PDB file of N, CA and C in Angstrom:
ATOM      1  N   UNK A   1     197.588  88.398  85.796  1.00  0.00           N
ATOM      2  CA  UNK A   1     197.993  89.750  85.493  1.00  0.00           C
ATOM      3  C   UNK A   1     198.017  90.616  86.734  1.00  0.00           C
ATOM      4  N   UNK A   2     198.759  91.555  86.773  1.00  0.00           N
ATOM      5  CA  UNK A   2     198.804  92.468  88.020  1.00  0.00           C
ATOM      6  C   UNK A   2     198.742  93.866  87.461  1.00  0.00           C
ATOM      7  N   UNK A   3     198.480  94.862  88.473  1.00  0.00           N
ATOM      8  CA  UNK A   3     198.380  96.186  87.962  1.00  0.00           C
ATOM      9  C   UNK A   3     199.683  96.733  87.534  1.00  0.00           C
ATOM     10  N   UNK A   4     199.513  97.603  86.528  1.00  0.00           N
ATOM     11  CA  UNK A   4     200.782  98.327  86.004  1.00  0.00           C
ATOM     12  C   UNK A   4     201.094  99.560  86.548  1.00  0.00           C
ATOM     13  N   UNK A   5     202.413 100.109  86.182  1.00  0.00           N
ATOM     14  CA  UNK A   5     202.689 101.285  86.659  1.00  0.00           C
ATOM     15  C   UNK A   5     201.918 102.531  86.258  1.00  0.00           C
ATOM     16  N   UNK A   6     201.895 103.694  86.827  1.00  0.00           N
ATOM     17  CA  UNK A   6     201.203 104.743  86.181  1.00  0.00           C
ATOM     18  C   UNK A   6     201.788 105.308  84.949  1.00  0.00           C
ATOM     19  N   UNK A   7     201.016 106.019  84.198  1.00  0.00           N
ATOM     20  CA  UNK A   7     201.587 106.690  82.888  1.00  0.00           C
ATOM     21  C   UNK A   7     202.924 107.425  83.069  1.00  0.00           C
ATOM     22  N   UNK A   8     202.924 108.104  84.282  1.00  0.00           N
ATOM     23  CA  UNK A   8     204.131 108.936  84.420  1.00  0.00           C
ATOM     24  C   UNK A   8     205.432 107.980  84.738  1.00  0.00           C
ATOM     25  N   UNK A   9     205.317 107.011  85.494  1.00  0.00           N
ATOM     26  CA  UNK A   9     206.262 105.930  85.561  1.00  0.00           C
ATOM     27  C   UNK A   9     206.684 105.319  84.253  1.00  0.00           C
ATOM     28  N   UNK A  10     205.701 105.050  83.476  1.00  0.00           N
ATOM     29  CA  UNK A  10     206.073 104.288  82.234  1.00  0.00           C
ATOM     30  C   UNK A  10     207.043 104.964  81.325  1.00  0.00           C
ATOM     31  N   UNK A  11     207.105 106.282  81.375  1.00  0.00           N
ATOM     32  CA  UNK A  11     208.169 106.994  80.439  1.00  0.00           C
ATOM     33  C   UNK A  11     209.556 106.638  80.929  1.00  0.00           C
ATOM     34  N   UNK A  12     209.719 106.243  82.085  1.00  0.00           N
ATOM     35  CA  UNK A  12     211.068 106.035  82.671  1.00  0.00           C
ATOM     36  C   UNK A  12     211.511 104.597  82.519  1.00  0.00           C
ATOM     37  N   UNK A  13     210.709 103.665  81.934  1.00  0.00           N
ATOM     38  CA  UNK A  13     211.022 102.322  81.611  1.00  0.00           C
ATOM     39  C   UNK A  13     211.992 102.143  80.502  1.00  0.00           C
ATOM     40  N   UNK A  14     212.906 101.204  80.632  1.00  0.00           N
ATOM     41  CA  UNK A  14     213.767 100.945  79.613  1.00  0.00           C
ATOM     42  C   UNK A  14     213.386  99.663  78.862  1.00  0.00           C
ATOM     43  N   UNK A  15     212.604  99.949  77.698  1.00  0.00           N
ATOM     44  CA  UNK A  15     212.171  98.813  76.945  1.00  0.00           C
ATOM     45  C   UNK A  15     213.165  98.109  76.039  1.00  0.00           C
ATOM     46  N   UNK A  16     212.982  96.847  75.712  1.00  0.00           N
ATOM     47  CA  UNK A  16     213.911  96.225  74.931  1.00  0.00           C
ATOM     48  C   UNK A  16     213.211  95.195  74.087  1.00  0.00           C
ATOM     49  N   UNK A  17     213.810  94.809  72.923  1.00  0.00           N
ATOM     50  CA  UNK A  17     213.229  93.811  72.073  1.00  0.00           C
ATOM     51  C   UNK A  17     214.150  92.553  71.970  1.00  0.00           C
ATOM     52  N   UNK A  18     213.616  91.498  71.575  1.00  0.00           N
ATOM     53  CA  UNK A  18     214.325  90.337  71.416  1.00  0.00           C
ATOM     54  C   UNK A  18     215.384  90.411  70.420  1.00  0.00           C
ATOM     55  N   UNK A  19     216.438  89.778  70.575  1.00  0.00           N
ATOM     56  CA  UNK A  19     217.533  89.772  69.487  1.00  0.00           C
ATOM     57  C   UNK A  19     217.179  89.059  68.243  1.00  0.00           C
ATOM     58  N   UNK A  20     216.029  88.258  68.409  1.00  0.00           N
ATOM     59  CA  UNK A  20     215.524  87.486  67.268  1.00  0.00           C
ATOM     60  C   UNK A  20     214.550  88.421  66.458  1.00  0.00           C
ATOM     61  N   UNK A  21     214.259  89.651  66.866  1.00  0.00           N
ATOM     62  CA  UNK A  21     213.305  90.437  66.083  1.00  0.00           C
ATOM     63  C   UNK A  21     213.874  90.787  64.803  1.00  0.00           C
ATOM     64  N   UNK A  22     213.063  90.907  63.730  1.00  0.00           N
ATOM     65  CA  UNK A  22     213.495  91.267  62.369  1.00  0.00           C
ATOM     66  C   UNK A  22     213.973  92.725  62.230  1.00  0.00           C
ATOM     67  N   UNK A  23     215.301  92.883  62.158  1.00  0.00           N
ATOM     68  CA  UNK A  23     215.869  94.155  62.086  1.00  0.00           C
ATOM     69  C   UNK A  23     215.407  95.024  60.956  1.00  0.00           C
ATOM     70  N   UNK A  24     214.930  94.405  59.825  1.00  0.00           N
ATOM     71  CA  UNK A  24     214.620  95.069  58.670  1.00  0.00           C
ATOM     72  C   UNK A  24     213.195  95.732  58.822  1.00  0.00           C
ATOM     73  N   UNK A  25     212.414  95.319  59.913  1.00  0.00           N
ATOM     74  CA  UNK A  25     211.133  96.048  60.174  1.00  0.00           C
ATOM     75  C   UNK A  25     211.101  96.065  61.639  1.00  0.00           C
ATOM     76  N   UNK A  26     211.523  97.054  62.228  1.00  0.00           N
ATOM     77  CA  UNK A  26     211.548  97.293  63.672  1.00  0.00           C
ATOM     78  C   UNK A  26     210.230  97.539  64.387  1.00  0.00           C
ATOM     79  N   UNK A  27     209.268  97.763  63.441  1.00  0.00           N
ATOM     80  CA  UNK A  27     207.900  98.021  64.167  1.00  0.00           C
ATOM     81  C   UNK A  27     207.029  96.811  64.355  1.00  0.00           C
ATOM     82  N   UNK A  28     207.589  95.588  64.041  1.00  0.00           N
ATOM     83  CA  UNK A  28     206.758  94.438  64.062  1.00  0.00           C
ATOM     84  C   UNK A  28     207.355  93.497  65.245  1.00  0.00           C
ATOM     85  N   UNK A  29     207.217  93.883  66.438  1.00  0.00           N
ATOM     86  CA  UNK A  29     207.754  93.128  67.555  1.00  0.00           C
ATOM     87  C   UNK A  29     207.101  93.516  68.843  1.00  0.00           C
ATOM     88  N   UNK A  30     207.348  92.644  69.913  1.00  0.00           N
ATOM     89  CA  UNK A  30     206.952  93.033  71.189  1.00  0.00           C
ATOM     90  C   UNK A  30     208.141  93.516  71.846  1.00  0.00           C
ATOM     91  N   UNK A  31     207.816  94.492  72.756  1.00  0.00           N
ATOM     92  CA  UNK A  31     208.889  95.058  73.673  1.00  0.00           C
ATOM     93  C   UNK A  31     208.463  94.578  74.966  1.00  0.00           C
ATOM     94  N   UNK A  32     209.542  94.610  75.855  1.00  0.00           N
ATOM     95  CA  UNK A  32     209.575  94.104  77.189  1.00  0.00           C
ATOM     96  C   UNK A  32     210.369  94.982  78.136  1.00  0.00           C
ATOM     97  N   UNK A  33     209.878  95.143  79.436  1.00  0.00           N
ATOM     98  CA  UNK A  33     210.629  95.849  80.453  1.00  0.00           C
ATOM     99  C   UNK A  33     210.395  95.296  81.786  1.00  0.00           C
ATOM    100  N   UNK A  34     211.272  95.408  82.730  1.00  0.00           N
ATOM    101  CA  UNK A  34     211.058  94.938  83.983  1.00  0.00           C
ATOM    102  C   UNK A  34     211.179  96.091  85.012  1.00  0.00           C
ATOM    103  N   UNK A  35     210.217  96.338  85.847  1.00  0.00           N
ATOM    104  CA  UNK A  35     210.191  97.381  86.778  1.00  0.00           C
ATOM    105  C   UNK A  35     209.506  96.929  88.032  1.00  0.00           C
ATOM    106  N   UNK A  36     210.021  97.229  89.137  1.00  0.00           N
ATOM    107  CA  UNK A  36     209.381  96.900  90.592  1.00  0.00           C
ATOM    108  C   UNK A  36     208.736  95.565  90.486  1.00  0.00           C
ATOM    109  N   UNK A  37     209.538  94.482  90.088  1.00  0.00           N
ATOM    110  CA  UNK A  37     209.022  93.073  90.232  1.00  0.00           C
ATOM    111  C   UNK A  37     207.903  92.899  89.302  1.00  0.00           C
ATOM    112  N   UNK A  38     207.726  93.568  88.183  1.00  0.00           N
ATOM    113  CA  UNK A  38     206.682  93.437  87.199  1.00  0.00           C
ATOM    114  C   UNK A  38     207.367  93.433  85.774  1.00  0.00           C
ATOM    115  N   UNK A  39     206.894  92.443  84.908  1.00  0.00           N
ATOM    116  CA  UNK A  39     207.228  92.420  83.468  1.00  0.00           C
ATOM    117  C   UNK A  39     206.123  93.036  82.828  1.00  0.00           C
ATOM    118  N   UNK A  40     206.542  94.071  82.071  1.00  0.00           N
ATOM    119  CA  UNK A  40     205.566  94.756  81.255  1.00  0.00           C
ATOM    120  C   UNK A  40     205.832  94.437  79.741  1.00  0.00           C
ATOM    121  N   UNK A  41     204.676  94.257  78.934  1.00  0.00           N
ATOM    122  CA  UNK A  41     204.784  93.934  77.562  1.00  0.00           C
ATOM    123  C   UNK A  41     204.001  94.807  76.775  1.00  0.00           C
ATOM    124  N   UNK A  42     204.495  95.338  75.636  1.00  0.00           N
ATOM    125  CA  UNK A  42     203.668  96.176  74.766  1.00  0.00           C
ATOM    126  C   UNK A  42     204.088  95.923  73.355  1.00  0.00           C
ATOM    127  N   UNK A  43     203.157  96.333  72.423  1.00  0.00           N
ATOM    128  CA  UNK A  43     203.333  96.302  71.036  1.00  0.00           C
ATOM    129  C   UNK A  43     204.139  97.517  70.561  1.00  0.00           C
ATOM    130  N   UNK A  44     205.184  97.178  69.882  1.00  0.00           N
ATOM    131  CA  UNK A  44     206.155  98.176  69.533  1.00  0.00           C
ATOM    132  C   UNK A  44     205.668  99.213  68.485  1.00  0.00           C
ATOM    133  N   UNK A  45     204.562  98.867  67.942  1.00  0.00           N
ATOM    134  CA  UNK A  45     203.809  99.728  66.958  1.00  0.00           C
ATOM    135  C   UNK A  45     202.987 100.935  67.632  1.00  0.00           C
ATOM    136  N   UNK A  46     202.748 100.529  68.939  1.00  0.00           N
ATOM    137  CA  UNK A  46     201.832 101.453  69.634  1.00  0.00           C
ATOM    138  C   UNK A  46     202.406 101.545  70.983  1.00  0.00           C
ATOM    139  N   UNK A  47     203.599 102.201  71.260  1.00  0.00           N
ATOM    140  CA  UNK A  47     204.264 102.256  72.593  1.00  0.00           C
ATOM    141  C   UNK A  47     203.417 103.136  73.659  1.00  0.00           C
ATOM    142  N   UNK A  48     202.493 103.798  73.193  1.00  0.00           N
ATOM    143  CA  UNK A  48     201.521 104.603  74.298  1.00  0.00           C
ATOM    144  C   UNK A  48     200.188 103.773  74.535  1.00  0.00           C
ATOM    145  N   UNK A  49     200.079 102.671  73.728  1.00  0.00           N
ATOM    146  CA  UNK A  49     198.847 101.869  73.986  1.00  0.00           C
ATOM    147  C   UNK A  49     198.805 101.025  75.072  1.00  0.00           C
ATOM    148  N   UNK A  50     197.910 100.015  75.113  1.00  0.00           N
ATOM    149  CA  UNK A  50     197.751  99.139  76.254  1.00  0.00           C
ATOM    150  C   UNK A  50     198.991  98.277  76.479  1.00  0.00           C
ATOM    151  N   UNK A  51     199.286  97.924  77.587  1.00  0.00           N
ATOM    152  CA  UNK A  51     200.351  96.937  78.064  1.00  0.00           C
ATOM    153  C   UNK A  51     199.929  95.907  78.911  1.00  0.00           C
ATOM    154  N   UNK A  52     200.526  94.823  78.956  1.00  0.00           N
ATOM    155  CA  UNK A  52     200.322  93.627  79.856  1.00  0.00           C
ATOM    156  C   UNK A  52     201.262  93.970  81.041  1.00  0.00           C
ATOM    157  N   UNK A  53     200.899  93.662  82.203  1.00  0.00           N
ATOM    158  CA  UNK A  53     201.767  93.664  83.343  1.00  0.00           C
ATOM    159  C   UNK A  53     201.614  92.286  84.075  1.00  0.00           C
ATOM    160  N   UNK A  54     202.801  91.515  84.071  1.00  0.00           N
ATOM    161  CA  UNK A  54     202.707  90.233  84.614  1.00  0.00           C
ATOM    162  C   UNK A  54     203.656  90.004  85.613  1.00  0.00           C
ATOM    163  N   UNK A  55     203.311  89.096  86.566  1.00  0.00           N
ATOM    164  CA  UNK A  55     204.314  88.707  87.665  1.00  0.00           C
ATOM    165  C   UNK A  55     205.379  88.015  86.986  1.00  0.00           C
ATOM    166  N   UNK A  56     206.780  88.128  87.535  1.00  0.00           N
ATOM    167  CA  UNK A  56     207.814  87.403  86.899  1.00  0.00           C
ATOM    168  C   UNK A  56     207.610  85.984  86.666  1.00  0.00           C
ATOM    169  N   UNK A  57     206.827  85.422  87.682  1.00  0.00           N
ATOM    170  CA  UNK A  57     206.742  83.922  87.564  1.00  0.00           C
ATOM    171  C   UNK A  57     205.758  83.520  86.288  1.00  0.00           C
ATOM    172  N   UNK A  58     204.660  84.392  86.127  1.00  0.00           N
ATOM    173  CA  UNK A  58     203.808  84.237  84.947  1.00  0.00           C
ATOM    174  C   UNK A  58     204.675  84.461  83.739  1.00  0.00           C
ATOM    175  N   UNK A  59     205.500  85.381  83.598  1.00  0.00           N
ATOM    176  CA  UNK A  59     206.321  85.550  82.479  1.00  0.00           C
ATOM    177  C   UNK A  59     207.236  84.509  82.121  1.00  0.00           C
ATOM    178  N   UNK A  60     207.875  83.968  83.147  1.00  0.00           N
ATOM    179  CA  UNK A  60     208.695  82.891  83.138  1.00  0.00           C
ATOM    180  C   UNK A  60     208.172  81.515  82.593  1.00  0.00           C
ATOM    181  N   UNK A  61     206.862  81.381  82.984  1.00  0.00           N
ATOM    182  CA  UNK A  61     206.203  80.175  82.594  1.00  0.00           C
ATOM    183  C   UNK A  61     205.626  80.375  81.133  1.00  0.00           C
ATOM    184  N   UNK A  62     205.454  81.600  80.706  1.00  0.00           N
ATOM    185  CA  UNK A  62     205.025  81.954  79.214  1.00  0.00           C
ATOM    186  C   UNK A  62     206.168  81.811  78.245  1.00  0.00           C
ATOM    187  N   UNK A  63     207.372  82.279  78.576  1.00  0.00           N
ATOM    188  CA  UNK A  63     208.464  82.396  77.581  1.00  0.00           C
ATOM    189  C   UNK A  63     208.702  81.063  76.803  1.00  0.00           C
ATOM    190  N   UNK A  64     208.808  79.983  77.465  1.00  0.00           N
ATOM    191  CA  UNK A  64     209.171  78.835  76.709  1.00  0.00           C
ATOM    192  C   UNK A  64     208.089  78.426  75.510  1.00  0.00           C
ATOM    193  N   UNK A  65     206.865  78.979  75.734  1.00  0.00           N
ATOM    194  CA  UNK A  65     205.829  78.686  74.646  1.00  0.00           C
ATOM    195  C   UNK A  65     206.126  79.461  73.450  1.00  0.00           C
ATOM    196  N   UNK A  66     206.802  80.617  73.516  1.00  0.00           N
ATOM    197  CA  UNK A  66     207.011  81.600  72.379  1.00  0.00           C
ATOM    198  C   UNK A  66     208.454  81.542  72.075  1.00  0.00           C
ATOM    199  N   UNK A  67     209.301  80.951  72.729  1.00  0.00           N
ATOM    200  CA  UNK A  67     210.687  80.919  72.403  1.00  0.00           C
ATOM    201  C   UNK A  67     211.246  80.013  71.307  1.00  0.00           C
ATOM    202  N   UNK A  68     210.269  79.317  70.648  1.00  0.00           N
ATOM    203  CA  UNK A  68     210.712  78.417  69.686  1.00  0.00           C
ATOM    204  C   UNK A  68     210.861  77.011  70.150  1.00  0.00           C
ATOM    205  N   UNK A  69     211.672  76.226  69.474  1.00  0.00           N
ATOM    206  CA  UNK A  69     211.689  74.759  69.699  1.00  0.00           C
ATOM    207  C   UNK A  69     212.532  74.511  71.074  1.00  0.00           C
ATOM    208  N   UNK A  70     213.139  75.389  71.545  1.00  0.00           N
ATOM    209  CA  UNK A  70     213.927  75.189  72.736  1.00  0.00           C
ATOM    210  C   UNK A  70     213.138  74.843  74.022  1.00  0.00           C
ATOM    211  N   UNK A  71     211.936  75.440  74.027  1.00  0.00           N
ATOM    212  CA  UNK A  71     210.977  75.359  74.981  1.00  0.00           C
ATOM    213  C   UNK A  71     210.064  74.100  75.083  1.00  0.00           C
ATOM    214  N   UNK A  72     210.129  73.439  73.910  1.00  0.00           N
ATOM    215  CA  UNK A  72     209.255  72.186  73.894  1.00  0.00           C
ATOM    216  C   UNK A  72     209.946  70.911  74.137  1.00  0.00           C
TER     217      UNK A  72
END
């Protein structure tokens, strides 16, 4: 994990959700954004709460494990 942007910078990030997220309950998913070569991850239920800040290589290694059967 690497350090994340300041709280001031965080308001300018463009967060997105997976197209696989349940649209009937939009508060139950993870949101992701990429800024300055960092992948930020947060809980959509708590957008001002803690976030993970990952190097792009760490994120790329993680995604196949949560992407369903395609990554196995």
